[in-house]
């Protein structure tokens, strides 16, 4: 039976990460687990940026964007030396498992870390790109689409008034999910 876990947010942030963190912490406490928050994702694990999280530390965060734990890209984690430092942090702090909140890059890194060090990892899919295999909708993708639609609705008024065509670019990394959904819902002429 696990006694101590860590939760971290890695890669890009996505709307809904804070409620996911809150859920992990509160459920963990309910199950008599000590929950460590890792700040700045894999970078924080390498550099031992940890803090015990409790009910109070996750109170009032569900309506906030971004992530309470911060996030960062960490090329160093993809090296053997970086992973060894992360594993040393885990051993030193008695962490027995990790909850990784992120996207496909985060899950790839977590899987590689598990293969190399056998630290159990659970992934919570949070990515505006909605590009996680086997998941219908990731945390953050619906909000990203609706945010883009709100902007397009406002742009359309100006485009119509000026009789012009506007080109709108949305994020999506290697996935066209946001672009396609926004084009369909927004009545765009081309995508």
C-alpha atoms as a PDB file:
ATOM      1  CA  UNK A   1       0.000   0.000   0.000  1.00  0.00           C
ATOM      2  CA  UNK A   2       1.371   3.389  -1.013  1.00  0.00           C
ATOM      3  CA  UNK A   3       1.912   6.010   1.658  1.00  0.00           C
ATOM      4  CA  UNK A   4       3.399   8.929  -0.275  1.00  0.00           C
ATOM      5  CA  UNK A   5       2.796  10.165  -3.811  1.00  0.00           C
ATOM      6  CA  UNK A   6       3.795  13.170  -5.878  1.00  0.00           C
ATOM      7  CA  UNK A   7       1.687  15.187  -8.284  1.00  0.00           C
ATOM      8  CA  UNK A   8       3.166  17.322 -11.059  1.00  0.00           C
ATOM      9  CA  UNK A   9       2.022  19.270 -14.102  1.00  0.00           C
ATOM     10  CA  UNK A  10       4.331  19.086 -17.092  1.00  0.00           C
ATOM     11  CA  UNK A  11       4.540  20.529 -20.589  1.00  0.00           C
ATOM     12  CA  UNK A  12       2.109  23.266 -21.584  1.00  0.00           C
ATOM     13  CA  UNK A  13      -0.618  24.320 -19.199  1.00  0.00           C
ATOM     14  CA  UNK A  14      -4.267  23.571 -19.879  1.00  0.00           C
ATOM     15  CA  UNK A  15      -7.453  24.965 -18.347  1.00  0.00           C
ATOM     16  CA  UNK A  16      -8.614  22.564 -15.653  1.00  0.00           C
ATOM     17  CA  UNK A  17      -5.199  21.578 -14.317  1.00  0.00           C
ATOM     18  CA  UNK A  18      -5.886  23.234 -10.954  1.00  0.00           C
ATOM     19  CA  UNK A  19      -9.132  21.311 -10.350  1.00  0.00           C
ATOM     20  CA  UNK A  20      -7.225  18.119 -11.282  1.00  0.00           C
ATOM     21  CA  UNK A  21      -4.493  18.943  -8.748  1.00  0.00           C
ATOM     22  CA  UNK A  22      -7.141  19.654  -6.120  1.00  0.00           C
ATOM     23  CA  UNK A  23      -8.862  16.344  -6.819  1.00  0.00           C
ATOM     24  CA  UNK A  24      -5.616  14.387  -6.556  1.00  0.00           C
ATOM     25  CA  UNK A  25      -4.696  16.037  -3.266  1.00  0.00           C
ATOM     26  CA  UNK A  26      -8.096  15.727  -1.635  1.00  0.00           C
ATOM     27  CA  UNK A  27      -8.623  12.149  -2.769  1.00  0.00           C
ATOM     28  CA  UNK A  28      -5.100  11.244  -1.686  1.00  0.00           C
ATOM     29  CA  UNK A  29      -5.642  12.711   1.770  1.00  0.00           C
ATOM     30  CA  UNK A  30      -8.951  10.845   2.019  1.00  0.00           C
ATOM     31  CA  UNK A  31      -7.040   7.632   1.280  1.00  0.00           C
ATOM     32  CA  UNK A  32      -4.477   8.457   4.027  1.00  0.00           C
ATOM     33  CA  UNK A  33      -1.728   9.346   1.535  1.00  0.00           C
ATOM     34  CA  UNK A  34       0.792  12.125   1.904  1.00  0.00           C
ATOM     35  CA  UNK A  35       0.757  14.149  -1.328  1.00  0.00           C
ATOM     36  CA  UNK A  36       3.837  16.070  -2.445  1.00  0.00           C
ATOM     37  CA  UNK A  37       3.444  18.802  -5.049  1.00  0.00           C
ATOM     38  CA  UNK A  38       6.313  19.030  -7.531  1.00  0.00           C
ATOM     39  CA  UNK A  39       6.812  22.559  -8.857  1.00  0.00           C
ATOM     40  CA  UNK A  40       7.749  23.195 -12.508  1.00  0.00           C
ATOM     41  CA  UNK A  41       7.154  19.613 -13.693  1.00  0.00           C
ATOM     42  CA  UNK A  42      10.116  17.381 -14.468  1.00  0.00           C
ATOM     43  CA  UNK A  43      12.479  20.298 -13.832  1.00  0.00           C
ATOM     44  CA  UNK A  44      11.212  20.530 -10.244  1.00  0.00           C
ATOM     45  CA  UNK A  45      11.667  16.796  -9.766  1.00  0.00           C
ATOM     46  CA  UNK A  46      15.281  17.047 -10.946  1.00  0.00           C
ATOM     47  CA  UNK A  47      15.963  20.082  -8.731  1.00  0.00           C
ATOM     48  CA  UNK A  48      13.928  18.918  -5.715  1.00  0.00           C
ATOM     49  CA  UNK A  49      11.266  21.632  -5.703  1.00  0.00           C
ATOM     50  CA  UNK A  50       8.691  19.828  -3.559  1.00  0.00           C
ATOM     51  CA  UNK A  51       6.088  20.779  -0.991  1.00  0.00           C
ATOM     52  CA  UNK A  52       3.577  18.754   0.994  1.00  0.00           C
ATOM     53  CA  UNK A  53       0.076  19.676  -0.165  1.00  0.00           C
ATOM     54  CA  UNK A  54      -2.974  19.626   2.113  1.00  0.00           C
ATOM     55  CA  UNK A  55      -6.628  20.678   1.951  1.00  0.00           C
ATOM     56  CA  UNK A  56      -5.745  24.299   2.576  1.00  0.00           C
ATOM     57  CA  UNK A  57      -2.996  24.522  -0.063  1.00  0.00           C
ATOM     58  CA  UNK A  58      -5.470  23.529  -2.800  1.00  0.00           C
ATOM     59  CA  UNK A  59      -8.414  25.545  -1.479  1.00  0.00           C
ATOM     60  CA  UNK A  60      -9.785  28.221  -3.803  1.00  0.00           C
ATOM     61  CA  UNK A  61      -7.853  27.152  -6.917  1.00  0.00           C
ATOM     62  CA  UNK A  62     -10.532  25.537  -9.081  1.00  0.00           C
ATOM     63  CA  UNK A  63     -11.485  28.791 -10.793  1.00  0.00           C
ATOM     64  CA  UNK A  64      -7.884  29.813 -11.547  1.00  0.00           C
ATOM     65  CA  UNK A  65      -6.248  29.270 -14.917  1.00  0.00           C
ATOM     66  CA  UNK A  66      -2.795  27.830 -15.380  1.00  0.00           C
ATOM     67  CA  UNK A  67      -1.433  25.520 -12.708  1.00  0.00           C
ATOM     68  CA  UNK A  68      -0.733  26.129  -9.030  1.00  0.00           C
ATOM     69  CA  UNK A  69       2.319  23.874  -9.381  1.00  0.00           C
ATOM     70  CA  UNK A  70       3.682  25.818 -12.368  1.00  0.00           C
ATOM     71  CA  UNK A  71       5.021  23.989 -15.384  1.00  0.00           C
ATOM     72  CA  UNK A  72       8.076  24.028 -17.590  1.00  0.00           C
ATOM     73  CA  UNK A  73       9.570  22.215 -20.542  1.00  0.00           C
ATOM     74  CA  UNK A  74      12.578  20.189 -19.435  1.00  0.00           C
ATOM     75  CA  UNK A  75      14.922  18.805 -22.108  1.00  0.00           C
ATOM     76  CA  UNK A  76      17.258  17.692 -19.286  1.00  0.00           C
ATOM     77  CA  UNK A  77      14.705  15.084 -18.189  1.00  0.00           C
ATOM     78  CA  UNK A  78      15.230  13.281 -21.500  1.00  0.00           C
ATOM     79  CA  UNK A  79      18.857  12.586 -20.535  1.00  0.00           C
ATOM     80  CA  UNK A  80      20.016   9.715 -18.347  1.00  0.00           C
ATOM     81  CA  UNK A  81      21.658  12.168 -15.933  1.00  0.00           C
ATOM     82  CA  UNK A  82      18.422  14.186 -15.596  1.00  0.00           C
ATOM     83  CA  UNK A  83      16.365  11.083 -14.901  1.00  0.00           C
ATOM     84  CA  UNK A  84      18.933   9.842 -12.365  1.00  0.00           C
ATOM     85  CA  UNK A  85      18.665  13.162 -10.488  1.00  0.00           C
ATOM     86  CA  UNK A  86      14.858  12.941 -10.573  1.00  0.00           C
ATOM     87  CA  UNK A  87      15.003   9.378  -9.253  1.00  0.00           C
ATOM     88  CA  UNK A  88      17.369  10.481  -6.470  1.00  0.00           C
ATOM     89  CA  UNK A  89      14.792  13.116  -5.457  1.00  0.00           C
ATOM     90  CA  UNK A  90      12.070  10.470  -5.388  1.00  0.00           C
ATOM     91  CA  UNK A  91      14.131   8.087  -3.241  1.00  0.00           C
ATOM     92  CA  UNK A  92      15.324  10.830  -0.883  1.00  0.00           C
ATOM     93  CA  UNK A  93      11.741  11.991  -0.273  1.00  0.00           C
ATOM     94  CA  UNK A  94      10.191   8.524   0.006  1.00  0.00           C
ATOM     95  CA  UNK A  95       7.855   9.012  -2.949  1.00  0.00           C
ATOM     96  CA  UNK A  96       6.297   5.719  -4.052  1.00  0.00           C
ATOM     97  CA  UNK A  97       4.246   6.830  -7.060  1.00  0.00           C
ATOM     98  CA  UNK A  98       3.491   9.841  -9.248  1.00  0.00           C
ATOM     99  CA  UNK A  99       0.431  11.464 -10.776  1.00  0.00           C
ATOM    100  CA  UNK A 100       1.452  13.255 -13.977  1.00  0.00           C
ATOM    101  CA  UNK A 101      -0.992  15.838 -15.311  1.00  0.00           C
ATOM    102  CA  UNK A 102      -0.109  16.697 -18.895  1.00  0.00           C
ATOM    103  CA  UNK A 103      -0.184  15.747 -22.548  1.00  0.00           C
ATOM    104  CA  UNK A 104       1.408  13.247 -24.880  1.00  0.00           C
ATOM    105  CA  UNK A 105       4.988  14.441 -24.255  1.00  0.00           C
ATOM    106  CA  UNK A 106       4.446  14.253 -20.503  1.00  0.00           C
ATOM    107  CA  UNK A 107       3.072  10.726 -20.755  1.00  0.00           C
ATOM    108  CA  UNK A 108       5.927   9.605 -23.005  1.00  0.00           C
ATOM    109  CA  UNK A 109       8.408  10.903 -20.422  1.00  0.00           C
ATOM    110  CA  UNK A 110       6.497   9.258 -17.540  1.00  0.00           C
ATOM    111  CA  UNK A 111       6.440   5.934 -19.397  1.00  0.00           C
ATOM    112  CA  UNK A 112      10.177   6.118 -20.076  1.00  0.00           C
ATOM    113  CA  UNK A 113      10.821   6.992 -16.428  1.00  0.00           C
ATOM    114  CA  UNK A 114       8.760   3.999 -15.312  1.00  0.00           C
ATOM    115  CA  UNK A 115      10.655   1.686 -17.673  1.00  0.00           C
ATOM    116  CA  UNK A 116      13.996   2.906 -16.338  1.00  0.00           C
ATOM    117  CA  UNK A 117      13.211   3.155 -12.601  1.00  0.00           C
ATOM    118  CA  UNK A 118       9.913   1.282 -12.001  1.00  0.00           C
ATOM    119  CA  UNK A 119       8.288   4.286 -10.308  1.00  0.00           C
ATOM    120  CA  UNK A 120       4.523   3.810 -10.820  1.00  0.00           C
ATOM    121  CA  UNK A 121       2.946   6.712 -12.720  1.00  0.00           C
ATOM    122  CA  UNK A 122      -0.682   7.564 -13.407  1.00  0.00           C
ATOM    123  CA  UNK A 123      -1.452  10.070 -16.148  1.00  0.00           C
ATOM    124  CA  UNK A 124      -4.283  12.576 -16.102  1.00  0.00           C
ATOM    125  CA  UNK A 125      -4.719  13.831 -19.685  1.00  0.00           C
ATOM    126  CA  UNK A 126      -4.636  17.627 -19.728  1.00  0.00           C
ATOM    127  CA  UNK A 127      -3.827  19.132 -23.102  1.00  0.00           C
ATOM    128  CA  UNK A 128      -5.555  21.743 -25.227  1.00  0.00           C
ATOM    129  CA  UNK A 129      -4.557  19.680 -28.280  1.00  0.00           C
ATOM    130  CA  UNK A 130      -6.774  16.683 -27.368  1.00  0.00           C
ATOM    131  CA  UNK A 131      -4.088  14.409 -28.786  1.00  0.00           C
ATOM    132  CA  UNK A 132      -3.934  11.603 -26.231  1.00  0.00           C
ATOM    133  CA  UNK A 133      -4.702   8.189 -27.694  1.00  0.00           C
ATOM    134  CA  UNK A 134      -7.642   6.393 -26.095  1.00  0.00           C
ATOM    135  CA  UNK A 135      -9.180   9.526 -24.556  1.00  0.00           C
ATOM    136  CA  UNK A 136     -12.330  11.178 -25.892  1.00  0.00           C
ATOM    137  CA  UNK A 137     -11.638  14.626 -24.460  1.00  0.00           C
ATOM    138  CA  UNK A 138      -8.655  15.898 -22.510  1.00  0.00           C
ATOM    139  CA  UNK A 139      -8.850  18.434 -19.703  1.00  0.00           C
ATOM    140  CA  UNK A 140      -8.518  21.857 -21.325  1.00  0.00           C
ATOM    141  CA  UNK A 141      -9.480  21.071 -24.931  1.00  0.00           C
ATOM    142  CA  UNK A 142     -13.115  22.177 -24.634  1.00  0.00           C
ATOM    143  CA  UNK A 143     -12.113  25.439 -22.963  1.00  0.00           C
ATOM    144  CA  UNK A 144      -9.501  26.105 -25.671  1.00  0.00           C
ATOM    145  CA  UNK A 145     -12.128  25.626 -28.384  1.00  0.00           C
ATOM    146  CA  UNK A 146     -14.648  27.882 -26.668  1.00  0.00           C
ATOM    147  CA  UNK A 147     -12.033  30.571 -26.041  1.00  0.00           C
ATOM    148  CA  UNK A 148     -11.081  30.542 -29.739  1.00  0.00           C
ATOM    149  CA  UNK A 149     -14.764  30.642 -30.756  1.00  0.00           C
ATOM    150  CA  UNK A 150     -15.359  33.653 -28.538  1.00  0.00           C
ATOM    151  CA  UNK A 151     -12.505  35.471 -30.281  1.00  0.00           C
ATOM    152  CA  UNK A 152     -13.711  34.459 -33.748  1.00  0.00           C
ATOM    153  CA  UNK A 153     -17.242  35.651 -32.988  1.00  0.00           C
ATOM    154  CA  UNK A 154     -15.812  39.076 -32.143  1.00  0.00           C
ATOM    155  CA  UNK A 155     -13.508  39.147 -35.167  1.00  0.00           C
ATOM    156  CA  UNK A 156     -16.386  38.202 -37.496  1.00  0.00           C
ATOM    157  CA  UNK A 157     -18.225  41.434 -36.640  1.00  0.00           C
ATOM    158  CA  UNK A 158     -15.260  43.515 -37.762  1.00  0.00           C
ATOM    159  CA  UNK A 159     -14.609  41.351 -40.826  1.00  0.00           C
ATOM    160  CA  UNK A 160     -18.230  41.727 -41.920  1.00  0.00           C
ATOM    161  CA  UNK A 161     -18.244  45.487 -41.328  1.00  0.00           C
ATOM    162  CA  UNK A 162     -15.045  45.979 -43.288  1.00  0.00           C
ATOM    163  CA  UNK A 163     -15.867  43.370 -45.959  1.00  0.00           C
ATOM    164  CA  UNK A 164     -12.546  41.669 -45.375  1.00  0.00           C
ATOM    165  CA  UNK A 165     -11.235  38.171 -44.831  1.00  0.00           C
ATOM    166  CA  UNK A 166      -9.455  37.510 -41.576  1.00  0.00           C
ATOM    167  CA  UNK A 167      -7.000  34.665 -41.051  1.00  0.00           C
ATOM    168  CA  UNK A 168      -7.047  33.227 -37.535  1.00  0.00           C
ATOM    169  CA  UNK A 169      -4.341  30.928 -36.195  1.00  0.00           C
ATOM    170  CA  UNK A 170      -4.971  28.666 -33.220  1.00  0.00           C
ATOM    171  CA  UNK A 171      -2.616  26.430 -31.280  1.00  0.00           C
ATOM    172  CA  UNK A 172      -2.534  22.685 -31.611  1.00  0.00           C
ATOM    173  CA  UNK A 173       1.056  21.447 -31.898  1.00  0.00           C
ATOM    174  CA  UNK A 174       0.942  18.375 -34.165  1.00  0.00           C
ATOM    175  CA  UNK A 175      -2.839  18.067 -33.921  1.00  0.00           C
ATOM    176  CA  UNK A 176      -5.425  19.974 -35.941  1.00  0.00           C
ATOM    177  CA  UNK A 177      -8.171  19.265 -33.414  1.00  0.00           C
ATOM    178  CA  UNK A 178      -8.720  22.835 -32.211  1.00  0.00           C
ATOM    179  CA  UNK A 179      -8.580  24.252 -35.736  1.00  0.00           C
ATOM    180  CA  UNK A 180     -11.077  21.726 -37.078  1.00  0.00           C
ATOM    181  CA  UNK A 181     -13.534  22.076 -34.188  1.00  0.00           C
ATOM    182  CA  UNK A 182     -13.366  25.875 -34.276  1.00  0.00           C
ATOM    183  CA  UNK A 183     -13.800  25.940 -38.062  1.00  0.00           C
ATOM    184  CA  UNK A 184     -16.907  23.766 -37.869  1.00  0.00           C
ATOM    185  CA  UNK A 185     -18.484  25.529 -34.873  1.00  0.00           C
ATOM    186  CA  UNK A 186     -17.530  29.015 -36.095  1.00  0.00           C
ATOM    187  CA  UNK A 187     -18.751  28.582 -39.661  1.00  0.00           C
ATOM    188  CA  UNK A 188     -15.308  29.332 -41.088  1.00  0.00           C
ATOM    189  CA  UNK A 189     -14.909  29.363 -44.865  1.00  0.00           C
ATOM    190  CA  UNK A 190     -11.683  27.333 -44.874  1.00  0.00           C
ATOM    191  CA  UNK A 191      -9.393  25.507 -42.482  1.00  0.00           C
END
